[in-house]
């Protein structure tokens, strides 16, 4: 029984350490990307500004595109971005994408856009 507890604790530490390499913006972008891939924004709805509305059809289109890219491998913020935005290099198994996210003063996402990276 002690071995299981120690193993569970070790796994928890490793899992937390893996998450700690992302800054808060990378974490938020990854959460949104995963929600879009799942065709379900409910897990991130409270992170979005109340005035931001995306139709279910648009989310389904985005989900089809991103889910077709295979496993999400990484989300890394890039320092070269338009002022007021956070930009990310998002790597999937098949292609690399660029994401742009803007947030308001309360930390709510006001814009989130993506496109396949050039040459991907």
PDB file of N, CA and C in Angstrom:
ATOM      1  N   UNK A   1       0.825  -1.186   0.000  1.00  0.00           N
ATOM      2  CA  UNK A   1       0.000   0.000   0.000  1.00  0.00           C
ATOM      3  C   UNK A   1       0.872   1.255   0.000  1.00  0.00           C
ATOM      4  N   UNK A   2       1.984   1.238   0.722  1.00  0.00           N
ATOM      5  CA  UNK A   2       2.850   2.407   0.755  1.00  0.00           C
ATOM      6  C   UNK A   2       3.470   2.662  -0.609  1.00  0.00           C
ATOM      7  N   UNK A   3       3.777   1.595  -1.335  1.00  0.00           N
ATOM      8  CA  UNK A   3       4.362   1.744  -2.657  1.00  0.00           C
ATOM      9  C   UNK A   3       3.393   2.467  -3.596  1.00  0.00           C
ATOM     10  N   UNK A   4       2.118   2.107  -3.534  1.00  0.00           N
ATOM     11  CA  UNK A   4       1.113   2.764  -4.372  1.00  0.00           C
ATOM     12  C   UNK A   4       1.012   4.244  -4.024  1.00  0.00           C
ATOM     13  N   UNK A   5       1.025   4.556  -2.752  1.00  0.00           N
ATOM     14  CA  UNK A   5       0.941   5.950  -2.332  1.00  0.00           C
ATOM     15  C   UNK A   5       2.156   6.734  -2.802  1.00  0.00           C
ATOM     16  N   UNK A   6       3.330   6.141  -2.666  1.00  0.00           N
ATOM     17  CA  UNK A   6       4.559   6.805  -3.109  1.00  0.00           C
ATOM     18  C   UNK A   6       4.552   6.982  -4.625  1.00  0.00           C
ATOM     19  N   UNK A   7       4.086   5.979  -5.337  1.00  0.00           N
ATOM     20  CA  UNK A   7       4.016   6.052  -6.785  1.00  0.00           C
ATOM     21  C   UNK A   7       3.022   7.129  -7.221  1.00  0.00           C
ATOM     22  N   UNK A   8       1.897   7.198  -6.572  1.00  0.00           N
ATOM     23  CA  UNK A   8       0.893   8.216  -6.882  1.00  0.00           C
ATOM     24  C   UNK A   8       1.437   9.612  -6.598  1.00  0.00           C
ATOM     25  N   UNK A   9       2.141   9.769  -5.495  1.00  0.00           N
ATOM     26  CA  UNK A   9       2.728  11.068  -5.154  1.00  0.00           C
ATOM     27  C   UNK A   9       3.788  11.464  -6.166  1.00  0.00           C
ATOM     28  N   UNK A  10       4.612  10.512  -6.577  1.00  0.00           N
ATOM     29  CA  UNK A  10       5.652  10.799  -7.572  1.00  0.00           C
ATOM     30  C   UNK A  10       5.024  11.206  -8.898  1.00  0.00           C
ATOM     31  N   UNK A  11       3.969  10.527  -9.289  1.00  0.00           N
ATOM     32  CA  UNK A  11       3.281  10.864 -10.531  1.00  0.00           C
ATOM     33  C   UNK A  11       2.696  12.275 -10.446  1.00  0.00           C
ATOM     34  N   UNK A  12       2.113  12.623  -9.306  1.00  0.00           N
ATOM     35  CA  UNK A  12       1.535  13.952  -9.118  1.00  0.00           C
ATOM     36  C   UNK A  12       2.603  15.037  -9.232  1.00  0.00           C
ATOM     37  N   UNK A  13       3.764  14.800  -8.655  1.00  0.00           N
ATOM     38  CA  UNK A  13       4.862  15.768  -8.726  1.00  0.00           C
ATOM     39  C   UNK A  13       5.321  15.945 -10.172  1.00  0.00           C
ATOM     40  N   UNK A  14       5.459  14.843 -10.895  1.00  0.00           N
ATOM     41  CA  UNK A  14       5.876  14.910 -12.297  1.00  0.00           C
ATOM     42  C   UNK A  14       4.831  15.659 -13.122  1.00  0.00           C
ATOM     43  N   UNK A  15       3.571  15.383 -12.890  1.00  0.00           N
ATOM     44  CA  UNK A  15       2.502  16.047 -13.633  1.00  0.00           C
ATOM     45  C   UNK A  15       2.490  17.543 -13.353  1.00  0.00           C
ATOM     46  N   UNK A  16       2.659  17.931 -12.114  1.00  0.00           N
ATOM     47  CA  UNK A  16       2.701  19.346 -11.768  1.00  0.00           C
ATOM     48  C   UNK A  16       3.930  20.023 -12.352  1.00  0.00           C
ATOM     49  N   UNK A  17       5.061  19.349 -12.325  1.00  0.00           N
ATOM     50  CA  UNK A  17       6.287  19.912 -12.893  1.00  0.00           C
ATOM     51  C   UNK A  17       6.138  20.129 -14.391  1.00  0.00           C
ATOM     52  N   UNK A  18       5.472  19.226 -15.068  1.00  0.00           N
ATOM     53  CA  UNK A  18       5.278  19.362 -16.510  1.00  0.00           C
ATOM     54  C   UNK A  18       4.440  20.591 -16.831  1.00  0.00           C
ATOM     55  N   UNK A  19       3.474  20.897 -15.992  1.00  0.00           N
ATOM     56  CA  UNK A  19       2.618  22.052 -16.217  1.00  0.00           C
ATOM     57  C   UNK A  19       3.316  23.361 -15.884  1.00  0.00           C
ATOM     58  N   UNK A  20       4.292  23.322 -15.010  1.00  0.00           N
ATOM     59  CA  UNK A  20       4.918  24.545 -14.525  1.00  0.00           C
ATOM     60  C   UNK A  20       5.806  25.207 -15.557  1.00  0.00           C
ATOM     61  N   UNK A  21       6.085  24.558 -16.682  1.00  0.00           N
ATOM     62  CA  UNK A  21       6.923  25.153 -17.708  1.00  0.00           C
ATOM     63  C   UNK A  21       6.145  26.124 -18.591  1.00  0.00           C
ATOM     64  N   UNK A  22       4.852  26.185 -18.450  1.00  0.00           N
ATOM     65  CA  UNK A  22       4.037  27.105 -19.226  1.00  0.00           C
ATOM     66  C   UNK A  22       3.748  28.354 -18.409  1.00  0.00           C
ATOM     67  N   UNK A  23       3.800  29.526 -19.072  1.00  0.00           N
ATOM     68  CA  UNK A  23       3.343  30.722 -18.382  1.00  0.00           C
ATOM     69  C   UNK A  23       1.816  30.737 -18.431  1.00  0.00           C
ATOM     70  N   UNK A  24       1.191  31.705 -17.754  1.00  0.00           N
ATOM     71  CA  UNK A  24      -0.273  31.689 -17.651  1.00  0.00           C
ATOM     72  C   UNK A  24      -0.950  31.899 -19.003  1.00  0.00           C
ATOM     73  N   UNK A  25      -0.294  32.624 -19.901  1.00  0.00           N
ATOM     74  CA  UNK A  25      -0.880  32.847 -21.218  1.00  0.00           C
ATOM     75  C   UNK A  25      -0.790  31.590 -22.075  1.00  0.00           C
ATOM     76  N   UNK A  26       0.316  30.880 -21.989  1.00  0.00           N
ATOM     77  CA  UNK A  26       0.457  29.605 -22.705  1.00  0.00           C
ATOM     78  C   UNK A  26      -0.569  28.607 -22.190  1.00  0.00           C
ATOM     79  N   UNK A  27      -0.740  28.588 -20.882  1.00  0.00           N
ATOM     80  CA  UNK A  27      -1.721  27.671 -20.281  1.00  0.00           C
ATOM     81  C   UNK A  27      -3.134  27.997 -20.788  1.00  0.00           C
ATOM     82  N   UNK A  28      -3.459  29.275 -20.828  1.00  0.00           N
ATOM     83  CA  UNK A  28      -4.787  29.679 -21.302  1.00  0.00           C
ATOM     84  C   UNK A  28      -4.967  29.337 -22.774  1.00  0.00           C
ATOM     85  N   UNK A  29      -3.960  29.616 -23.594  1.00  0.00           N
ATOM     86  CA  UNK A  29      -4.048  29.300 -25.024  1.00  0.00           C
ATOM     87  C   UNK A  29      -4.207  27.796 -25.234  1.00  0.00           C
ATOM     88  N   UNK A  30      -3.491  27.003 -24.450  1.00  0.00           N
ATOM     89  CA  UNK A  30      -3.629  25.551 -24.574  1.00  0.00           C
ATOM     90  C   UNK A  30      -5.021  25.089 -24.175  1.00  0.00           C
ATOM     91  N   UNK A  31      -5.567  25.660 -23.108  1.00  0.00           N
ATOM     92  CA  UNK A  31      -6.922  25.287 -22.675  1.00  0.00           C
ATOM     93  C   UNK A  31      -7.945  25.589 -23.783  1.00  0.00           C
ATOM     94  N   UNK A  32      -7.806  26.759 -24.404  1.00  0.00           N
ATOM     95  CA  UNK A  32      -8.738  27.132 -25.467  1.00  0.00           C
ATOM     96  C   UNK A  32      -8.554  26.213 -26.671  1.00  0.00           C
ATOM     97  N   UNK A  33      -7.308  25.948 -27.042  1.00  0.00           N
ATOM     98  CA  UNK A  33      -7.035  25.067 -28.176  1.00  0.00           C
ATOM     99  C   UNK A  33      -7.641  23.690 -27.947  1.00  0.00           C
ATOM    100  N   UNK A  34      -7.433  23.139 -26.763  1.00  0.00           N
ATOM    101  CA  UNK A  34      -7.998  21.815 -26.457  1.00  0.00           C
ATOM    102  C   UNK A  34      -9.524  21.841 -26.471  1.00  0.00           C
ATOM    103  N   UNK A  35     -10.116  22.920 -25.953  1.00  0.00           N
ATOM    104  CA  UNK A  35     -11.577  23.039 -25.957  1.00  0.00           C
ATOM    105  C   UNK A  35     -12.106  23.099 -27.388  1.00  0.00           C
ATOM    106  N   UNK A  36     -11.428  23.860 -28.236  1.00  0.00           N
ATOM    107  CA  UNK A  36     -11.842  23.942 -29.637  1.00  0.00           C
ATOM    108  C   UNK A  36     -11.691  22.585 -30.303  1.00  0.00           C
ATOM    109  N   UNK A  37     -10.568  21.903 -30.081  1.00  0.00           N
ATOM    110  CA  UNK A  37     -10.362  20.576 -30.672  1.00  0.00           C
ATOM    111  C   UNK A  37     -11.474  19.611 -30.271  1.00  0.00           C
ATOM    112  N   UNK A  38     -11.975  19.769 -29.052  1.00  0.00           N
ATOM    113  CA  UNK A  38     -13.052  18.907 -28.550  1.00  0.00           C
ATOM    114  C   UNK A  38     -14.439  19.395 -28.990  1.00  0.00           C
ATOM    115  N   UNK A  39     -14.468  20.529 -29.732  1.00  0.00           N
ATOM    116  CA  UNK A  39     -15.727  21.101 -30.195  1.00  0.00           C
ATOM    117  C   UNK A  39     -16.641  21.459 -29.024  1.00  0.00           C
ATOM    118  N   UNK A  40     -16.037  21.990 -27.955  1.00  0.00           N
ATOM    119  CA  UNK A  40     -16.795  22.292 -26.747  1.00  0.00           C
ATOM    120  C   UNK A  40     -16.092  23.400 -25.969  1.00  0.00           C
ATOM    121  N   UNK A  41     -16.608  24.614 -26.039  1.00  0.00           N
ATOM    122  CA  UNK A  41     -16.000  25.733 -25.317  1.00  0.00           C
ATOM    123  C   UNK A  41     -16.456  25.832 -23.861  1.00  0.00           C
ATOM    124  N   UNK A  42     -17.335  24.949 -23.427  1.00  0.00           N
ATOM    125  CA  UNK A  42     -17.839  25.009 -22.055  1.00  0.00           C
ATOM    126  C   UNK A  42     -16.721  25.046 -21.001  1.00  0.00           C
ATOM    127  N   UNK A  43     -15.643  24.254 -21.126  1.00  0.00           N
ATOM    128  CA  UNK A  43     -14.600  24.284 -20.096  1.00  0.00           C
ATOM    129  C   UNK A  43     -13.876  25.634 -19.969  1.00  0.00           C
ATOM    130  N   UNK A  44     -13.922  26.465 -21.022  1.00  0.00           N
ATOM    131  CA  UNK A  44     -13.217  27.752 -20.982  1.00  0.00           C
ATOM    132  C   UNK A  44     -14.181  28.935 -21.046  1.00  0.00           C
ATOM    133  N   UNK A  45     -15.470  28.679 -21.003  1.00  0.00           N
ATOM    134  CA  UNK A  45     -16.469  29.743 -21.154  1.00  0.00           C
ATOM    135  C   UNK A  45     -16.258  30.880 -20.159  1.00  0.00           C
ATOM    136  N   UNK A  46     -15.901  30.581 -18.929  1.00  0.00           N
ATOM    137  CA  UNK A  46     -15.695  31.623 -17.923  1.00  0.00           C
ATOM    138  C   UNK A  46     -14.414  32.415 -18.153  1.00  0.00           C
ATOM    139  N   UNK A  47     -13.543  31.937 -19.037  1.00  0.00           N
ATOM    140  CA  UNK A  47     -12.299  32.645 -19.361  1.00  0.00           C
ATOM    141  C   UNK A  47     -12.502  33.640 -20.498  1.00  0.00           C
ATOM    142  N   UNK A  48     -13.649  33.578 -21.153  1.00  0.00           N
ATOM    143  CA  UNK A  48     -13.941  34.435 -22.290  1.00  0.00           C
ATOM    144  C   UNK A  48     -14.770  35.630 -21.848  1.00  0.00           C
ATOM    145  N   UNK A  49     -14.511  36.792 -22.463  1.00  0.00           N
ATOM    146  CA  UNK A  49     -15.292  37.969 -22.131  1.00  0.00           C
ATOM    147  C   UNK A  49     -16.763  37.705 -22.475  1.00  0.00           C
ATOM    148  N   UNK A  50     -17.696  38.191 -21.662  1.00  0.00           N
ATOM    149  CA  UNK A  50     -19.108  37.897 -21.897  1.00  0.00           C
ATOM    150  C   UNK A  50     -19.610  38.318 -23.284  1.00  0.00           C
ATOM    151  N   UNK A  51     -19.032  39.354 -23.872  1.00  0.00           N
ATOM    152  CA  UNK A  51     -19.477  39.818 -25.187  1.00  0.00           C
ATOM    153  C   UNK A  51     -18.949  39.004 -26.353  1.00  0.00           C
ATOM    154  N   UNK A  52     -18.015  38.100 -26.094  1.00  0.00           N
ATOM    155  CA  UNK A  52     -17.428  37.294 -27.162  1.00  0.00           C
ATOM    156  C   UNK A  52     -18.364  36.143 -27.497  1.00  0.00           C
ATOM    157  N   UNK A  53     -18.853  36.143 -28.729  1.00  0.00           N
ATOM    158  CA  UNK A  53     -19.742  35.067 -29.146  1.00  0.00           C
ATOM    159  C   UNK A  53     -19.184  34.421 -30.408  1.00  0.00           C
ATOM    160  N   UNK A  54     -19.054  33.132 -30.374  1.00  0.00           N
ATOM    161  CA  UNK A  54     -18.616  32.362 -31.533  1.00  0.00           C
ATOM    162  C   UNK A  54     -19.702  31.333 -31.794  1.00  0.00           C
ATOM    163  N   UNK A  55     -20.158  31.274 -33.024  1.00  0.00           N
ATOM    164  CA  UNK A  55     -21.247  30.351 -33.345  1.00  0.00           C
ATOM    165  C   UNK A  55     -20.784  28.901 -33.218  1.00  0.00           C
ATOM    166  N   UNK A  56     -21.733  28.032 -32.975  1.00  0.00           N
ATOM    167  CA  UNK A  56     -21.417  26.605 -32.875  1.00  0.00           C
ATOM    168  C   UNK A  56     -20.898  26.059 -34.200  1.00  0.00           C
ATOM    169  N   UNK A  57     -21.367  26.641 -35.290  1.00  0.00           N
ATOM    170  CA  UNK A  57     -20.893  26.212 -36.609  1.00  0.00           C
ATOM    171  C   UNK A  57     -19.415  26.556 -36.759  1.00  0.00           C
ATOM    172  N   UNK A  58     -19.022  27.762 -36.350  1.00  0.00           N
ATOM    173  CA  UNK A  58     -17.626  28.187 -36.446  1.00  0.00           C
ATOM    174  C   UNK A  58     -16.748  27.311 -35.549  1.00  0.00           C
ATOM    175  N   UNK A  59     -17.208  27.021 -34.344  1.00  0.00           N
ATOM    176  CA  UNK A  59     -16.436  26.161 -33.438  1.00  0.00           C
ATOM    177  C   UNK A  59     -16.275  24.772 -34.060  1.00  0.00           C
ATOM    178  N   UNK A  60     -17.323  24.263 -34.679  1.00  0.00           N
ATOM    179  CA  UNK A  60     -17.243  22.943 -35.324  1.00  0.00           C
ATOM    180  C   UNK A  60     -16.244  22.961 -36.478  1.00  0.00           C
ATOM    181  N   UNK A  61     -16.227  24.042 -37.260  1.00  0.00           N
ATOM    182  CA  UNK A  61     -15.250  24.165 -38.350  1.00  0.00           C
ATOM    183  C   UNK A  61     -13.827  24.189 -37.796  1.00  0.00           C
ATOM    184  N   UNK A  62     -13.624  25.004 -36.749  1.00  0.00           N
ATOM    185  CA  UNK A  62     -12.299  25.073 -36.108  1.00  0.00           C
ATOM    186  C   UNK A  62     -11.903  23.710 -35.555  1.00  0.00           C
ATOM    187  N   UNK A  63     -12.867  23.035 -34.925  1.00  0.00           N
ATOM    188  CA  UNK A  63     -12.587  21.718 -34.339  1.00  0.00           C
ATOM    189  C   UNK A  63     -12.148  20.729 -35.410  1.00  0.00           C
ATOM    190  N   UNK A  64     -12.838  20.738 -36.532  1.00  0.00           N
ATOM    191  CA  UNK A  64     -12.465  19.842 -37.624  1.00  0.00           C
ATOM    192  C   UNK A  64     -11.040  20.116 -38.093  1.00  0.00           C
ATOM    193  N   UNK A  65     -10.701  21.398 -38.254  1.00  0.00           N
ATOM    194  CA  UNK A  65      -9.362  21.749 -38.727  1.00  0.00           C
ATOM    195  C   UNK A  65      -8.284  21.352 -37.721  1.00  0.00           C
ATOM    196  N   UNK A  66      -8.457  21.748 -36.468  1.00  0.00           N
ATOM    197  CA  UNK A  66      -7.407  21.480 -35.477  1.00  0.00           C
ATOM    198  C   UNK A  66      -7.324  20.009 -35.102  1.00  0.00           C
ATOM    199  N   UNK A  67      -8.450  19.346 -35.002  1.00  0.00           N
ATOM    200  CA  UNK A  67      -8.420  17.928 -34.643  1.00  0.00           C
ATOM    201  C   UNK A  67      -7.735  17.103 -35.732  1.00  0.00           C
ATOM    202  N   UNK A  68      -7.814  17.556 -36.967  1.00  0.00           N
ATOM    203  CA  UNK A  68      -7.174  16.847 -38.075  1.00  0.00           C
ATOM    204  C   UNK A  68      -5.648  16.956 -38.036  1.00  0.00           C
ATOM    205  N   UNK A  69      -5.118  17.822 -37.160  1.00  0.00           N
ATOM    206  CA  UNK A  69      -3.670  18.016 -37.081  1.00  0.00           C
ATOM    207  C   UNK A  69      -2.977  16.995 -36.184  1.00  0.00           C
ATOM    208  N   UNK A  70      -3.742  16.116 -35.592  1.00  0.00           N
ATOM    209  CA  UNK A  70      -3.154  15.103 -34.710  1.00  0.00           C
ATOM    210  C   UNK A  70      -3.003  15.636 -33.296  1.00  0.00           C
ATOM    211  N   UNK A  71      -2.190  14.970 -32.538  1.00  0.00           N
ATOM    212  CA  UNK A  71      -1.993  15.292 -31.122  1.00  0.00           C
ATOM    213  C   UNK A  71      -1.385  16.688 -30.962  1.00  0.00           C
ATOM    214  N   UNK A  72      -1.900  17.437 -29.984  1.00  0.00           N
ATOM    215  CA  UNK A  72      -1.322  18.729 -29.624  1.00  0.00           C
ATOM    216  C   UNK A  72      -0.040  18.468 -28.843  1.00  0.00           C
ATOM    217  N   UNK A  73       1.080  18.957 -29.361  1.00  0.00           N
ATOM    218  CA  UNK A  73       2.385  18.682 -28.752  1.00  0.00           C
ATOM    219  C   UNK A  73       2.860  19.791 -27.823  1.00  0.00           C
ATOM    220  N   UNK A  74       2.684  21.062 -28.238  1.00  0.00           N
ATOM    221  CA  UNK A  74       3.165  22.154 -27.384  1.00  0.00           C
ATOM    222  C   UNK A  74       2.531  23.480 -27.777  1.00  0.00           C
ATOM    223  N   UNK A  75       2.487  24.374 -26.797  1.00  0.00           N
ATOM    224  CA  UNK A  75       2.038  25.751 -26.997  1.00  0.00           C
ATOM    225  C   UNK A  75       3.101  26.622 -26.351  1.00  0.00           C
ATOM    226  N   UNK A  76       3.785  27.433 -27.154  1.00  0.00           N
ATOM    227  CA  UNK A  76       4.894  28.245 -26.661  1.00  0.00           C
ATOM    228  C   UNK A  76       4.690  29.686 -27.095  1.00  0.00           C
ATOM    229  N   UNK A  77       4.713  30.606 -26.133  1.00  0.00           N
ATOM    230  CA  UNK A  77       4.547  32.027 -26.452  1.00  0.00           C
ATOM    231  C   UNK A  77       5.789  32.541 -27.167  1.00  0.00           C
ATOM    232  N   UNK A  78       5.566  33.392 -28.143  1.00  0.00           N
ATOM    233  CA  UNK A  78       6.654  33.989 -28.882  1.00  0.00           C
ATOM    234  C   UNK A  78       6.718  35.486 -28.535  1.00  0.00           C
ATOM    235  N   UNK A  79       7.914  36.022 -28.352  1.00  0.00           N
ATOM    236  CA  UNK A  79       8.027  37.431 -27.951  1.00  0.00           C
ATOM    237  C   UNK A  79       7.691  38.411 -29.072  1.00  0.00           C
ATOM    238  N   UNK A  80       7.711  37.966 -30.307  1.00  0.00           N
ATOM    239  CA  UNK A  80       7.406  38.863 -31.420  1.00  0.00           C
ATOM    240  C   UNK A  80       5.913  38.827 -31.691  1.00  0.00           C
ATOM    241  N   UNK A  81       5.234  39.867 -31.242  1.00  0.00           N
ATOM    242  CA  UNK A  81       3.783  39.907 -31.372  1.00  0.00           C
ATOM    243  C   UNK A  81       3.332  41.362 -31.390  1.00  0.00           C
ATOM    244  N   UNK A  82       2.170  41.594 -31.969  1.00  0.00           N
ATOM    245  CA  UNK A  82       1.565  42.913 -31.961  1.00  0.00           C
ATOM    246  C   UNK A  82       1.321  43.345 -30.518  1.00  0.00           C
ATOM    247  N   UNK A  83       1.662  44.592 -30.163  1.00  0.00           N
ATOM    248  CA  UNK A  83       1.391  45.057 -28.795  1.00  0.00           C
ATOM    249  C   UNK A  83      -0.077  44.852 -28.417  1.00  0.00           C
ATOM    250  N   UNK A  84      -0.292  44.389 -27.203  1.00  0.00           N
ATOM    251  CA  UNK A  84      -1.645  44.125 -26.710  1.00  0.00           C
ATOM    252  C   UNK A  84      -2.121  42.707 -26.954  1.00  0.00           C
ATOM    253  N   UNK A  85      -1.324  41.923 -27.665  1.00  0.00           N
ATOM    254  CA  UNK A  85      -1.677  40.538 -27.958  1.00  0.00           C
ATOM    255  C   UNK A  85      -0.615  39.606 -27.400  1.00  0.00           C
ATOM    256  N   UNK A  86      -0.984  38.344 -27.260  1.00  0.00           N
ATOM    257  CA  UNK A  86      -0.049  37.275 -26.923  1.00  0.00           C
ATOM    258  C   UNK A  86      -0.080  36.325 -28.118  1.00  0.00           C
ATOM    259  N   UNK A  87       1.103  35.998 -28.629  1.00  0.00           N
ATOM    260  CA  UNK A  87       1.206  35.124 -29.794  1.00  0.00           C
ATOM    261  C   UNK A  87       1.902  33.826 -29.410  1.00  0.00           C
ATOM    262  N   UNK A  88       1.491  32.748 -30.046  1.00  0.00           N
ATOM    263  CA  UNK A  88       1.981  31.425 -29.672  1.00  0.00           C
ATOM    264  C   UNK A  88       2.319  30.596 -30.908  1.00  0.00           C
ATOM    265  N   UNK A  89       3.336  29.775 -30.768  1.00  0.00           N
ATOM    266  CA  UNK A  89       3.649  28.739 -31.743  1.00  0.00           C
ATOM    267  C   UNK A  89       3.031  27.464 -31.188  1.00  0.00           C
ATOM    268  N   UNK A  90       2.114  26.886 -31.935  1.00  0.00           N
ATOM    269  CA  UNK A  90       1.370  25.718 -31.474  1.00  0.00           C
ATOM    270  C   UNK A  90       1.740  24.546 -32.377  1.00  0.00           C
ATOM    271  N   UNK A  91       2.381  23.551 -31.789  1.00  0.00           N
ATOM    272  CA  UNK A  91       2.831  22.405 -32.564  1.00  0.00           C
ATOM    273  C   UNK A  91       1.893  21.223 -32.372  1.00  0.00           C
ATOM    274  N   UNK A  92       1.482  20.680 -33.515  1.00  0.00           N
ATOM    275  CA  UNK A  92       0.684  19.464 -33.566  1.00  0.00           C
ATOM    276  C   UNK A  92       1.543  18.394 -34.234  1.00  0.00           C
ATOM    277  N   UNK A  93       1.080  17.171 -34.244  1.00  0.00           N
ATOM    278  CA  UNK A  93       1.811  16.096 -34.913  1.00  0.00           C
ATOM    279  C   UNK A  93       2.030  16.394 -36.389  1.00  0.00           C
ATOM    280  N   UNK A  94       1.044  16.951 -37.049  1.00  0.00           N
ATOM    281  CA  UNK A  94       1.120  17.119 -38.496  1.00  0.00           C
ATOM    282  C   UNK A  94       1.611  18.492 -38.951  1.00  0.00           C
ATOM    283  N   UNK A  95       1.230  19.553 -38.250  1.00  0.00           N
ATOM    284  CA  UNK A  95       1.565  20.911 -38.681  1.00  0.00           C
ATOM    285  C   UNK A  95       1.796  21.820 -37.471  1.00  0.00           C
ATOM    286  N   UNK A  96       2.381  22.963 -37.767  1.00  0.00           N
ATOM    287  CA  UNK A  96       2.570  24.001 -36.758  1.00  0.00           C
ATOM    288  C   UNK A  96       1.612  25.150 -37.065  1.00  0.00           C
ATOM    289  N   UNK A  97       1.027  25.690 -36.031  1.00  0.00           N
ATOM    290  CA  UNK A  97       0.083  26.794 -36.158  1.00  0.00           C
ATOM    291  C   UNK A  97       0.584  28.001 -35.368  1.00  0.00           C
ATOM    292  N   UNK A  98       0.046  29.150 -35.712  1.00  0.00           N
ATOM    293  CA  UNK A  98       0.264  30.374 -34.949  1.00  0.00           C
ATOM    294  C   UNK A  98      -1.078  30.762 -34.346  1.00  0.00           C
ATOM    295  N   UNK A  99      -1.052  31.152 -33.072  1.00  0.00           N
ATOM    296  CA  UNK A  99      -2.267  31.628 -32.408  1.00  0.00           C
ATOM    297  C   UNK A  99      -2.015  33.033 -31.876  1.00  0.00           C
ATOM    298  N   UNK A 100      -3.087  33.811 -31.854  1.00  0.00           N
ATOM    299  CA  UNK A 100      -3.065  35.163 -31.300  1.00  0.00           C
ATOM    300  C   UNK A 100      -4.197  35.288 -30.304  1.00  0.00           C
ATOM    301  N   UNK A 101      -3.885  35.840 -29.146  1.00  0.00           N
ATOM    302  CA  UNK A 101      -4.899  35.979 -28.102  1.00  0.00           C
ATOM    303  C   UNK A 101      -4.794  37.372 -27.494  1.00  0.00           C
ATOM    304  N   UNK A 102      -5.943  38.005 -27.295  1.00  0.00           N
ATOM    305  CA  UNK A 102      -5.988  39.301 -26.631  1.00  0.00           C
ATOM    306  C   UNK A 102      -6.862  39.156 -25.394  1.00  0.00           C
ATOM    307  N   UNK A 103      -6.454  39.840 -24.327  1.00  0.00           N
ATOM    308  CA  UNK A 103      -7.201  39.763 -23.071  1.00  0.00           C
ATOM    309  C   UNK A 103      -7.549  41.163 -22.589  1.00  0.00           C
ATOM    310  N   UNK A 104      -8.637  41.268 -21.835  1.00  0.00           N
ATOM    311  CA  UNK A 104      -9.025  42.559 -21.279  1.00  0.00           C
ATOM    312  C   UNK A 104      -8.376  42.764 -19.910  1.00  0.00           C
ATOM    313  N   UNK A 105      -8.729  43.871 -19.255  1.00  0.00           N
ATOM    314  CA  UNK A 105      -8.132  44.209 -17.959  1.00  0.00           C
ATOM    315  C   UNK A 105      -8.477  43.210 -16.856  1.00  0.00           C
ATOM    316  N   UNK A 106      -9.550  42.462 -17.021  1.00  0.00           N
ATOM    317  CA  UNK A 106      -9.955  41.463 -16.030  1.00  0.00           C
ATOM    318  C   UNK A 106      -9.365  40.089 -16.322  1.00  0.00           C
ATOM    319  N   UNK A 107      -8.536  39.997 -17.365  1.00  0.00           N
ATOM    320  CA  UNK A 107      -7.922  38.714 -17.706  1.00  0.00           C
ATOM    321  C   UNK A 107      -8.820  37.797 -18.526  1.00  0.00           C
ATOM    322  N   UNK A 108      -9.890  38.362 -19.076  1.00  0.00           N
ATOM    323  CA  UNK A 108     -10.791  37.574 -19.926  1.00  0.00           C
ATOM    324  C   UNK A 108     -10.334  37.685 -21.380  1.00  0.00           C
ATOM    325  N   UNK A 109     -10.455  36.603 -22.109  1.00  0.00           N
ATOM    326  CA  UNK A 109     -10.054  36.572 -23.508  1.00  0.00           C
ATOM    327  C   UNK A 109     -11.093  37.317 -24.340  1.00  0.00           C
ATOM    328  N   UNK A 110     -10.617  38.308 -25.111  1.00  0.00           N
ATOM    329  CA  UNK A 110     -11.495  39.086 -25.990  1.00  0.00           C
ATOM    330  C   UNK A 110     -11.352  38.660 -27.448  1.00  0.00           C
ATOM    331  N   UNK A 111     -10.188  38.097 -27.811  1.00  0.00           N
ATOM    332  CA  UNK A 111      -9.958  37.590 -29.161  1.00  0.00           C
ATOM    333  C   UNK A 111      -9.065  36.364 -29.094  1.00  0.00           C
ATOM    334  N   UNK A 112      -9.338  35.415 -29.968  1.00  0.00           N
ATOM    335  CA  UNK A 112      -8.473  34.237 -30.118  1.00  0.00           C
ATOM    336  C   UNK A 112      -8.567  33.812 -31.570  1.00  0.00           C
ATOM    337  N   UNK A 113      -7.434  33.829 -32.255  1.00  0.00           N
ATOM    338  CA  UNK A 113      -7.404  33.468 -33.671  1.00  0.00           C
ATOM    339  C   UNK A 113      -6.226  32.534 -33.919  1.00  0.00           C
ATOM    340  N   UNK A 114      -6.323  31.761 -34.986  1.00  0.00           N
ATOM    341  CA  UNK A 114      -5.225  30.855 -35.322  1.00  0.00           C
ATOM    342  C   UNK A 114      -5.130  30.711 -36.834  1.00  0.00           C
ATOM    343  N   UNK A 115      -3.953  30.307 -37.285  1.00  0.00           N
ATOM    344  CA  UNK A 115      -3.748  29.962 -38.686  1.00  0.00           C
ATOM    345  C   UNK A 115      -2.541  29.056 -38.783  1.00  0.00           C
ATOM    346  N   UNK A 116      -2.508  28.267 -39.845  1.00  0.00           N
ATOM    347  CA  UNK A 116      -1.380  27.384 -40.068  1.00  0.00           C
ATOM    348  C   UNK A 116      -0.150  28.251 -40.343  1.00  0.00           C
ATOM    349  N   UNK A 117       0.972  27.895 -39.745  1.00  0.00           N
ATOM    350  CA  UNK A 117       2.202  28.653 -39.939  1.00  0.00           C
ATOM    351  C   UNK A 117       2.676  28.514 -41.380  1.00  0.00           C
ATOM    352  N   UNK A 118       3.296  29.549 -41.888  1.00  0.00           N
ATOM    353  CA  UNK A 118       3.863  29.509 -43.244  1.00  0.00           C
ATOM    354  C   UNK A 118       4.875  28.391 -43.339  1.00  0.00           C
ATOM    355  N   UNK A 119       4.815  27.667 -44.408  1.00  0.00           N
ATOM    356  CA  UNK A 119       5.764  26.581 -44.619  1.00  0.00           C
ATOM    357  C   UNK A 119       5.475  25.331 -43.810  1.00  0.00           C
ATOM    358  N   UNK A 120       4.331  25.303 -43.110  1.00  0.00           N
ATOM    359  CA  UNK A 120       4.009  24.146 -42.270  1.00  0.00           C
ATOM    360  C   UNK A 120       3.423  23.028 -43.085  1.00  0.00           C
TER     361      UNK A 120
END
